[in-house]
PDB file of N, CA and C in Angstrom:
ATOM      1  N   MET A   1       6.551 -54.192  14.869  1.00  0.00           N
ATOM      2  CA  MET A   1       7.062 -53.454  13.753  1.00  0.00           C
ATOM      3  C   MET A   1       6.432 -52.064  13.725  1.00  0.00           C
ATOM      4  N   ILE A   2       7.246 -51.051  13.523  1.00  0.00           N
ATOM      5  CA  ILE A   2       6.776 -49.672  13.482  1.00  0.00           C
ATOM      6  C   ILE A   2       6.594 -49.278  12.019  1.00  0.00           C
ATOM      7  N   SER A   3       5.425 -48.777  11.709  1.00  0.00           N
ATOM      8  CA  SER A   3       5.175 -48.346  10.335  1.00  0.00           C
ATOM      9  C   SER A   3       5.343 -46.837  10.234  1.00  0.00           C
ATOM     10  N   LYS A   4       5.725 -46.410   9.069  1.00  0.00           N
ATOM     11  CA  LYS A   4       5.887 -44.968   8.835  1.00  0.00           C
ATOM     12  C   LYS A   4       4.530 -44.372   8.507  1.00  0.00           C
ATOM     13  N   LEU A   5       4.247 -43.269   9.119  1.00  0.00           N
ATOM     14  CA  LEU A   5       3.025 -42.535   8.806  1.00  0.00           C
ATOM     15  C   LEU A   5       3.348 -41.540   7.705  1.00  0.00           C
ATOM     16  N   SER A   6       2.576 -41.556   6.700  1.00  0.00           N
ATOM     17  CA  SER A   6       2.835 -40.599   5.627  1.00  0.00           C
ATOM     18  C   SER A   6       1.864 -39.437   5.747  1.00  0.00           C
ATOM     19  N   ALA A   7       2.394 -38.271   5.558  1.00  0.00           N
ATOM     20  CA  ALA A   7       1.570 -37.066   5.594  1.00  0.00           C
ATOM     21  C   ALA A   7       0.780 -36.985   4.292  1.00  0.00           C
ATOM     22  N   PRO A   8      -0.431 -36.459   4.364  1.00  0.00           N
ATOM     23  CA  PRO A   8      -1.197 -36.317   3.129  1.00  0.00           C
ATOM     24  C   PRO A   8      -0.473 -35.358   2.180  1.00  0.00           C
ATOM     25  N   ALA A   9      -0.622 -35.611   0.920  1.00  0.00           N
ATOM     26  CA  ALA A   9       0.039 -34.765  -0.073  1.00  0.00           C
ATOM     27  C   ALA A   9      -0.474 -33.337   0.045  1.00  0.00           C
ATOM     28  N   ALA A  10       0.442 -32.412   0.097  1.00  0.00           N
ATOM     29  CA  ALA A  10       0.063 -30.998   0.207  1.00  0.00           C
ATOM     30  C   ALA A  10      -0.462 -30.507  -1.137  1.00  0.00           C
ATOM     31  N   ALA A  11      -1.522 -29.769  -1.082  1.00  0.00           N
ATOM     32  CA  ALA A  11      -2.069 -29.186  -2.311  1.00  0.00           C
ATOM     33  C   ALA A  11      -1.102 -28.140  -2.827  1.00  0.00           C
ATOM     34  N   GLU A  12      -0.918 -28.112  -4.119  1.00  0.00           N
ATOM     35  CA  GLU A  12      -0.013 -27.128  -4.694  1.00  0.00           C
ATOM     36  C   GLU A  12      -0.654 -25.760  -4.623  1.00  0.00           C
ATOM     37  N   PHE A  13       0.158 -24.783  -4.280  1.00  0.00           N
ATOM     38  CA  PHE A  13      -0.327 -23.417  -4.136  1.00  0.00           C
ATOM     39  C   PHE A  13       0.663 -22.499  -4.820  1.00  0.00           C
ATOM     40  N   ASP A  14       0.201 -21.783  -5.821  1.00  0.00           N
ATOM     41  CA  ASP A  14       1.059 -20.858  -6.556  1.00  0.00           C
ATOM     42  C   ASP A  14       0.872 -19.455  -6.000  1.00  0.00           C
ATOM     43  N   VAL A  15       1.874 -18.972  -5.314  1.00  0.00           N
ATOM     44  CA  VAL A  15       1.810 -17.659  -4.676  1.00  0.00           C
ATOM     45  C   VAL A  15       1.661 -16.550  -5.708  1.00  0.00           C
ATOM     46  N   TYR A  16       2.245 -16.706  -6.865  1.00  0.00           N
ATOM     47  CA  TYR A  16       2.285 -15.649  -7.862  1.00  0.00           C
ATOM     48  C   TYR A  16       1.185 -15.757  -8.914  1.00  0.00           C
ATOM     49  N   ALA A  17       0.241 -16.656  -8.738  1.00  0.00           N
ATOM     50  CA  ALA A  17      -0.786 -16.887  -9.758  1.00  0.00           C
ATOM     51  C   ALA A  17      -1.585 -15.626 -10.077  1.00  0.00           C
ATOM     52  N   ASP A  18      -1.993 -14.893  -9.063  1.00  0.00           N
ATOM     53  CA  ASP A  18      -2.811 -13.704  -9.277  1.00  0.00           C
ATOM     54  C   ASP A  18      -2.077 -12.421  -8.916  1.00  0.00           C
ATOM     55  N   ALA A  19      -0.770 -12.444  -8.938  1.00  0.00           N
ATOM     56  CA  ALA A  19       0.003 -11.281  -8.504  1.00  0.00           C
ATOM     57  C   ALA A  19      -0.267 -10.061  -9.369  1.00  0.00           C
ATOM     58  N   ASP A  20      -0.358 -10.242 -10.680  1.00  0.00           N
ATOM     59  CA  ASP A  20      -0.605  -9.094 -11.559  1.00  0.00           C
ATOM     60  C   ASP A  20      -1.970  -8.483 -11.323  1.00  0.00           C
ATOM     61  N   LYS A  21      -2.946  -9.327 -11.049  1.00  0.00           N
ATOM     62  CA  LYS A  21      -4.306  -8.839 -10.821  1.00  0.00           C
ATOM     63  C   LYS A  21      -4.389  -7.999  -9.553  1.00  0.00           C
ATOM     64  N   HIS A  22      -3.681  -8.407  -8.512  1.00  0.00           N
ATOM     65  CA  HIS A  22      -3.766  -7.713  -7.229  1.00  0.00           C
ATOM     66  C   HIS A  22      -2.735  -6.598  -7.093  1.00  0.00           C
ATOM     67  N   ALA A  23      -1.683  -6.618  -7.878  1.00  0.00           N
ATOM     68  CA  ALA A  23      -0.627  -5.615  -7.741  1.00  0.00           C
ATOM     69  C   ALA A  23      -1.135  -4.209  -8.030  1.00  0.00           C
ATOM     70  N   ALA A  24      -2.110  -4.078  -8.900  1.00  0.00           N
ATOM     71  CA  ALA A  24      -2.622  -2.756  -9.247  1.00  0.00           C
ATOM     72  C   ALA A  24      -3.358  -2.103  -8.081  1.00  0.00           C
ATOM     73  N   TYR A  25      -3.782  -2.882  -7.121  1.00  0.00           N
ATOM     74  CA  TYR A  25      -4.552  -2.336  -6.001  1.00  0.00           C
ATOM     75  C   TYR A  25      -3.736  -2.261  -4.715  1.00  0.00           C
ATOM     76  N   ASP A  26      -2.453  -2.550  -4.777  1.00  0.00           N
ATOM     77  CA  ASP A  26      -1.617  -2.584  -3.591  1.00  0.00           C
ATOM     78  C   ASP A  26      -0.963  -1.220  -3.392  1.00  0.00           C
ATOM     79  N   TYR A  27      -1.638  -0.354  -2.650  1.00  0.00           N
ATOM     80  CA  TYR A  27      -1.146   0.995  -2.389  1.00  0.00           C
ATOM     81  C   TYR A  27      -0.847   1.177  -0.914  1.00  0.00           C
ATOM     82  N   SER A  28       0.062   2.094  -0.618  1.00  0.00           N
ATOM     83  CA  SER A  28       0.330   2.434   0.776  1.00  0.00           C
ATOM     84  C   SER A  28       0.453   3.948   0.904  1.00  0.00           C
ATOM     85  N   LEU A  29       0.077   4.434   2.059  1.00  0.00           N
ATOM     86  CA  LEU A  29       0.102   5.861   2.358  1.00  0.00           C
ATOM     87  C   LEU A  29       1.272   6.148   3.280  1.00  0.00           C
ATOM     88  N   ALA A  30       2.034   7.184   2.968  1.00  0.00           N
ATOM     89  CA  ALA A  30       3.139   7.613   3.819  1.00  0.00           C
ATOM     90  C   ALA A  30       2.975   9.102   4.107  1.00  0.00           C
ATOM     91  N   ILE A  31       3.172   9.466   5.357  1.00  0.00           N
ATOM     92  CA  ILE A  31       3.136  10.867   5.770  1.00  0.00           C
ATOM     93  C   ILE A  31       4.579  11.277   6.018  1.00  0.00           C
ATOM     94  N   LYS A  32       5.029  12.313   5.324  1.00  0.00           N
ATOM     95  CA  LYS A  32       6.436  12.693   5.387  1.00  0.00           C
ATOM     96  C   LYS A  32       6.602  14.160   5.780  1.00  0.00           C
ATOM     97  N   ASN A  33       7.674  14.422   6.487  1.00  0.00           N
ATOM     98  CA  ASN A  33       8.055  15.781   6.865  1.00  0.00           C
ATOM     99  C   ASN A  33       9.118  16.224   5.872  1.00  0.00           C
ATOM    100  N   ARG A  34       8.709  16.884   4.794  1.00  0.00           N
ATOM    101  CA  ARG A  34       9.622  17.195   3.704  1.00  0.00           C
ATOM    102  C   ARG A  34       9.828  18.689   3.447  1.00  0.00           C
ATOM    103  N   GLY A  35       9.050  19.526   4.078  1.00  0.00           N
ATOM    104  CA  GLY A  35       9.129  20.959   3.774  1.00  0.00           C
ATOM    105  C   GLY A  35       9.747  21.761   4.897  1.00  0.00           C
ATOM    106  N   ARG A  36       9.588  23.058   4.779  1.00  0.00           N
ATOM    107  CA  ARG A  36      10.057  23.967   5.824  1.00  0.00           C
ATOM    108  C   ARG A  36       8.849  24.475   6.602  1.00  0.00           C
ATOM    109  N   PRO A  37       9.028  24.688   7.891  1.00  0.00           N
ATOM    110  CA  PRO A  37       7.912  25.214   8.684  1.00  0.00           C
ATOM    111  C   PRO A  37       7.448  26.542   8.128  1.00  0.00           C
ATOM    112  N   PRO A  38       6.217  26.902   8.256  1.00  0.00           N
ATOM    113  CA  PRO A  38       5.174  26.309   9.084  1.00  0.00           C
ATOM    114  C   PRO A  38       4.411  25.171   8.400  1.00  0.00           C
ATOM    115  N   LYS A  39       4.560  24.970   7.114  1.00  0.00           N
ATOM    116  CA  LYS A  39       3.865  23.879   6.429  1.00  0.00           C
ATOM    117  C   LYS A  39       4.905  22.892   5.913  1.00  0.00           C
ATOM    118  N   SER A  40       5.129  21.836   6.694  1.00  0.00           N
ATOM    119  CA  SER A  40       6.203  20.914   6.321  1.00  0.00           C
ATOM    120  C   SER A  40       5.742  19.476   6.086  1.00  0.00           C
ATOM    121  N   TRP A  41       4.457  19.189   6.285  1.00  0.00           N
ATOM    122  CA  TRP A  41       3.961  17.813   6.171  1.00  0.00           C
ATOM    123  C   TRP A  41       3.243  17.601   4.843  1.00  0.00           C
ATOM    124  N   ARG A  42       3.437  16.421   4.269  1.00  0.00           N
ATOM    125  CA  ARG A  42       2.727  16.038   3.046  1.00  0.00           C
ATOM    126  C   ARG A  42       2.472  14.537   3.078  1.00  0.00           C
ATOM    127  N   TRP A  43       1.466  14.128   2.318  1.00  0.00           N
ATOM    128  CA  TRP A  43       1.216  12.690   2.162  1.00  0.00           C
ATOM    129  C   TRP A  43       1.678  12.264   0.786  1.00  0.00           C
ATOM    130  N   GLU A  44       2.089  10.992   0.705  1.00  0.00           N
ATOM    131  CA  GLU A  44       2.518  10.397  -0.552  1.00  0.00           C
ATOM    132  C   GLU A  44       1.928   8.998  -0.635  1.00  0.00           C
ATOM    133  N   ILE A  45       1.414   8.632  -1.800  1.00  0.00           N
ATOM    134  CA  ILE A  45       0.843   7.308  -2.014  1.00  0.00           C
ATOM    135  C   ILE A  45       1.783   6.545  -2.933  1.00  0.00           C
ATOM    136  N   TYR A  46       2.190   5.365  -2.462  1.00  0.00           N
ATOM    137  CA  TYR A  46       3.102   4.506  -3.203  1.00  0.00           C
ATOM    138  C   TYR A  46       2.376   3.241  -3.640  1.00  0.00           C
ATOM    139  N   THR A  47       2.834   2.650  -4.725  1.00  0.00           N
ATOM    140  CA  THR A  47       2.355   1.344  -5.137  1.00  0.00           C
ATOM    141  C   THR A  47       3.482   0.341  -4.895  1.00  0.00           C
ATOM    142  N   ALA A  48       3.125  -0.909  -4.734  1.00  0.00           N
ATOM    143  CA  ALA A  48       4.100  -1.941  -4.390  1.00  0.00           C
ATOM    144  C   ALA A  48       5.199  -2.036  -5.439  1.00  0.00           C
ATOM    145  N   GLY A  49       6.438  -2.077  -4.983  1.00  0.00           N
ATOM    146  CA  GLY A  49       7.576  -2.252  -5.861  1.00  0.00           C
ATOM    147  C   GLY A  49       8.089  -0.988  -6.520  1.00  0.00           C
ATOM    148  N   LYS A  50       7.506   0.155  -6.230  1.00  0.00           N
ATOM    149  CA  LYS A  50       7.936   1.410  -6.843  1.00  0.00           C
ATOM    150  C   LYS A  50       8.518   2.335  -5.775  1.00  0.00           C
ATOM    151  N   SER A  51       9.571   3.053  -6.137  1.00  0.00           N
ATOM    152  CA  SER A  51      10.184   3.948  -5.160  1.00  0.00           C
ATOM    153  C   SER A  51       9.668   5.374  -5.264  1.00  0.00           C
ATOM    154  N   LYS A  52       9.028   5.709  -6.372  1.00  0.00           N
ATOM    155  CA  LYS A  52       8.470   7.057  -6.539  1.00  0.00           C
ATOM    156  C   LYS A  52       6.973   7.018  -6.247  1.00  0.00           C
ATOM    157  N   PRO A  53       6.461   8.059  -5.591  1.00  0.00           N
ATOM    158  CA  PRO A  53       5.027   8.069  -5.283  1.00  0.00           C
ATOM    159  C   PRO A  53       4.186   8.241  -6.543  1.00  0.00           C
ATOM    160  N   VAL A  54       3.005   7.608  -6.543  1.00  0.00           N
ATOM    161  CA  VAL A  54       2.079   7.784  -7.660  1.00  0.00           C
ATOM    162  C   VAL A  54       1.281   9.062  -7.491  1.00  0.00           C
ATOM    163  N   ARG A  55       1.114   9.489  -6.248  1.00  0.00           N
ATOM    164  CA  ARG A  55       0.450  10.761  -5.951  1.00  0.00           C
ATOM    165  C   ARG A  55       1.078  11.365  -4.706  1.00  0.00           C
ATOM    166  N   GLN A  56       1.080  12.691  -4.660  1.00  0.00           N
ATOM    167  CA  GLN A  56       1.545  13.389  -3.452  1.00  0.00           C
ATOM    168  C   GLN A  56       0.789  14.698  -3.318  1.00  0.00           C
ATOM    169  N   SER A  57       0.766  15.198  -2.110  1.00  0.00           N
ATOM    170  CA  SER A  57      -0.029  16.384  -1.812  1.00  0.00           C
ATOM    171  C   SER A  57       0.824  17.642  -1.770  1.00  0.00           C
ATOM    172  N   ASP A  58       0.112  18.752  -1.589  1.00  0.00           N
ATOM    173  CA  ASP A  58       0.779  19.992  -1.225  1.00  0.00           C
ATOM    174  C   ASP A  58       1.137  19.879   0.251  1.00  0.00           C
ATOM    175  N   PHE A  59       1.704  20.920   0.808  1.00  0.00           N
ATOM    176  CA  PHE A  59       2.151  20.857   2.199  1.00  0.00           C
ATOM    177  C   PHE A  59       1.047  21.269   3.169  1.00  0.00           C
ATOM    178  N   PHE A  60       1.091  20.655   4.379  1.00  0.00           N
ATOM    179  CA  PHE A  60       0.138  20.925   5.450  1.00  0.00           C
ATOM    180  C   PHE A  60       0.893  21.372   6.691  1.00  0.00           C
ATOM    181  N   ALA A  61       0.178  22.080   7.566  1.00  0.00           N
ATOM    182  CA  ALA A  61       0.789  22.590   8.795  1.00  0.00           C
ATOM    183  C   ALA A  61       0.988  21.495   9.838  1.00  0.00           C
ATOM    184  N   THR A  62       0.086  20.506   9.869  1.00  0.00           N
ATOM    185  CA  THR A  62       0.183  19.459  10.886  1.00  0.00           C
ATOM    186  C   THR A  62       0.184  18.075  10.254  1.00  0.00           C
ATOM    187  N   MET A  63       0.745  17.136  10.986  1.00  0.00           N
ATOM    188  CA  MET A  63       0.782  15.750  10.538  1.00  0.00           C
ATOM    189  C   MET A  63      -0.624  15.165  10.477  1.00  0.00           C
ATOM    190  N   SER A  64      -1.464  15.504  11.431  1.00  0.00           N
ATOM    191  CA  SER A  64      -2.825  14.957  11.457  1.00  0.00           C
ATOM    192  C   SER A  64      -3.652  15.450  10.271  1.00  0.00           C
ATOM    193  N   GLU A  65      -3.439  16.674   9.870  1.00  0.00           N
ATOM    194  CA  GLU A  65      -4.134  17.222   8.704  1.00  0.00           C
ATOM    195  C   GLU A  65      -3.707  16.481   7.427  1.00  0.00           C
ATOM    196  N   ALA A  66      -2.421  16.223   7.298  1.00  0.00           N
ATOM    197  CA  ALA A  66      -1.907  15.483   6.148  1.00  0.00           C
ATOM    198  C   ALA A  66      -2.413  14.037   6.161  1.00  0.00           C
ATOM    199  N   THR A  67      -2.472  13.430   7.334  1.00  0.00           N
ATOM    200  CA  THR A  67      -2.964  12.053   7.452  1.00  0.00           C
ATOM    201  C   THR A  67      -4.426  11.958   7.058  1.00  0.00           C
ATOM    202  N   ARG A  68      -5.232  12.867   7.550  1.00  0.00           N
ATOM    203  CA  ARG A  68      -6.668  12.845   7.261  1.00  0.00           C
ATOM    204  C   ARG A  68      -6.936  12.975   5.759  1.00  0.00           C
ATOM    205  N   THR A  69      -6.308  13.930   5.112  1.00  0.00           N
ATOM    206  CA  THR A  69      -6.541  14.115   3.678  1.00  0.00           C
ATOM    207  C   THR A  69      -5.882  13.001   2.858  1.00  0.00           C
ATOM    208  N   GLY A  70      -4.769  12.470   3.345  1.00  0.00           N
ATOM    209  CA  GLY A  70      -4.106  11.359   2.654  1.00  0.00           C
ATOM    210  C   GLY A  70      -4.948  10.099   2.661  1.00  0.00           C
ATOM    211  N   LYS A  71      -5.602   9.813   3.787  1.00  0.00           N
ATOM    212  CA  LYS A  71      -6.483   8.644   3.860  1.00  0.00           C
ATOM    213  C   LYS A  71      -7.665   8.787   2.909  1.00  0.00           C
ATOM    214  N   ALA A  72      -8.183   9.985   2.788  1.00  0.00           N
ATOM    215  CA  ALA A  72      -9.290  10.226   1.859  1.00  0.00           C
ATOM    216  C   ALA A  72      -8.821  10.052   0.408  1.00  0.00           C
ATOM    217  N   ALA A  73      -7.634  10.533   0.100  1.00  0.00           N
ATOM    218  CA  ALA A  73      -7.095  10.387  -1.257  1.00  0.00           C
ATOM    219  C   ALA A  73      -6.819   8.922  -1.583  1.00  0.00           C
ATOM    220  N   LEU A  74      -6.318   8.165  -0.615  1.00  0.00           N
ATOM    221  CA  LEU A  74      -6.050   6.745  -0.817  1.00  0.00           C
ATOM    222  C   LEU A  74      -7.342   5.976  -1.060  1.00  0.00           C
ATOM    223  N   ALA A  75      -8.363   6.286  -0.288  1.00  0.00           N
ATOM    224  CA  ALA A  75      -9.660   5.631  -0.477  1.00  0.00           C
ATOM    225  C   ALA A  75     -10.235   5.951  -1.856  1.00  0.00           C
ATOM    226  N   GLY A  76     -10.104   7.198  -2.294  1.00  0.00           N
ATOM    227  CA  GLY A  76     -10.578   7.587  -3.617  1.00  0.00           C
ATOM    228  C   GLY A  76      -9.814   6.891  -4.735  1.00  0.00           C
ATOM    229  N   LEU A  77      -8.505   6.759  -4.568  1.00  0.00           N
ATOM    230  CA  LEU A  77      -7.678   6.085  -5.565  1.00  0.00           C
ATOM    231  C   LEU A  77      -8.061   4.619  -5.676  1.00  0.00           C
ATOM    232  N   ARG A  78      -8.240   3.965  -4.537  1.00  0.00           N
ATOM    233  CA  ARG A  78      -8.630   2.544  -4.550  1.00  0.00           C
ATOM    234  C   ARG A  78     -10.015   2.361  -5.160  1.00  0.00           C
ATOM    235  N   ALA A  79     -10.925   3.282  -4.877  1.00  0.00           N
ATOM    236  CA  ALA A  79     -12.280   3.187  -5.447  1.00  0.00           C
ATOM    237  C   ALA A  79     -12.254   3.356  -6.961  1.00  0.00           C
ATOM    238  N   ASN A  80     -11.442   4.291  -7.453  1.00  0.00           N
ATOM    239  CA  ASN A  80     -11.326   4.497  -8.894  1.00  0.00           C
ATOM    240  C   ASN A  80     -10.706   3.313  -9.592  1.00  0.00           C
ATOM    241  N   ARG A  81      -9.720   2.673  -8.975  1.00  0.00           N
ATOM    242  CA  ARG A  81      -9.047   1.529  -9.581  1.00  0.00           C
ATOM    243  C   ARG A  81      -9.917   0.279  -9.568  1.00  0.00           C
ATOM    244  N   ALA A  82     -10.749   0.157  -8.544  1.00  0.00           N
ATOM    245  CA  ALA A  82     -11.620  -1.017  -8.437  1.00  0.00           C
ATOM    246  C   ALA A  82     -12.771  -0.967  -9.422  1.00  0.00           C
ATOM    247  N   ALA A  83     -13.147   0.235  -9.830  1.00  0.00           N
ATOM    248  CA  ALA A  83     -14.303   0.389 -10.735  1.00  0.00           C
ATOM    249  C   ALA A  83     -13.973   0.045 -12.159  1.00  0.00           C
TER     250      ALA A  83
END
């Protein structure tokens, strides 16, 4: 006789339990080419679920310059929100 093996009961896990707590810290950095040369690059910081940036920069001449300052701004924003 073959017996059925039962899998152990899976622990319940609520994906959305702490969503509000973590949503405030979920930011992303985007580097965009939005201007006219010679300064056409800017950084924009978005929060999850929003289509408008929470912060954006003035224009930069190079993408790397915008990326460098954008990363610093993102780190500062996260530090301020965590405190």
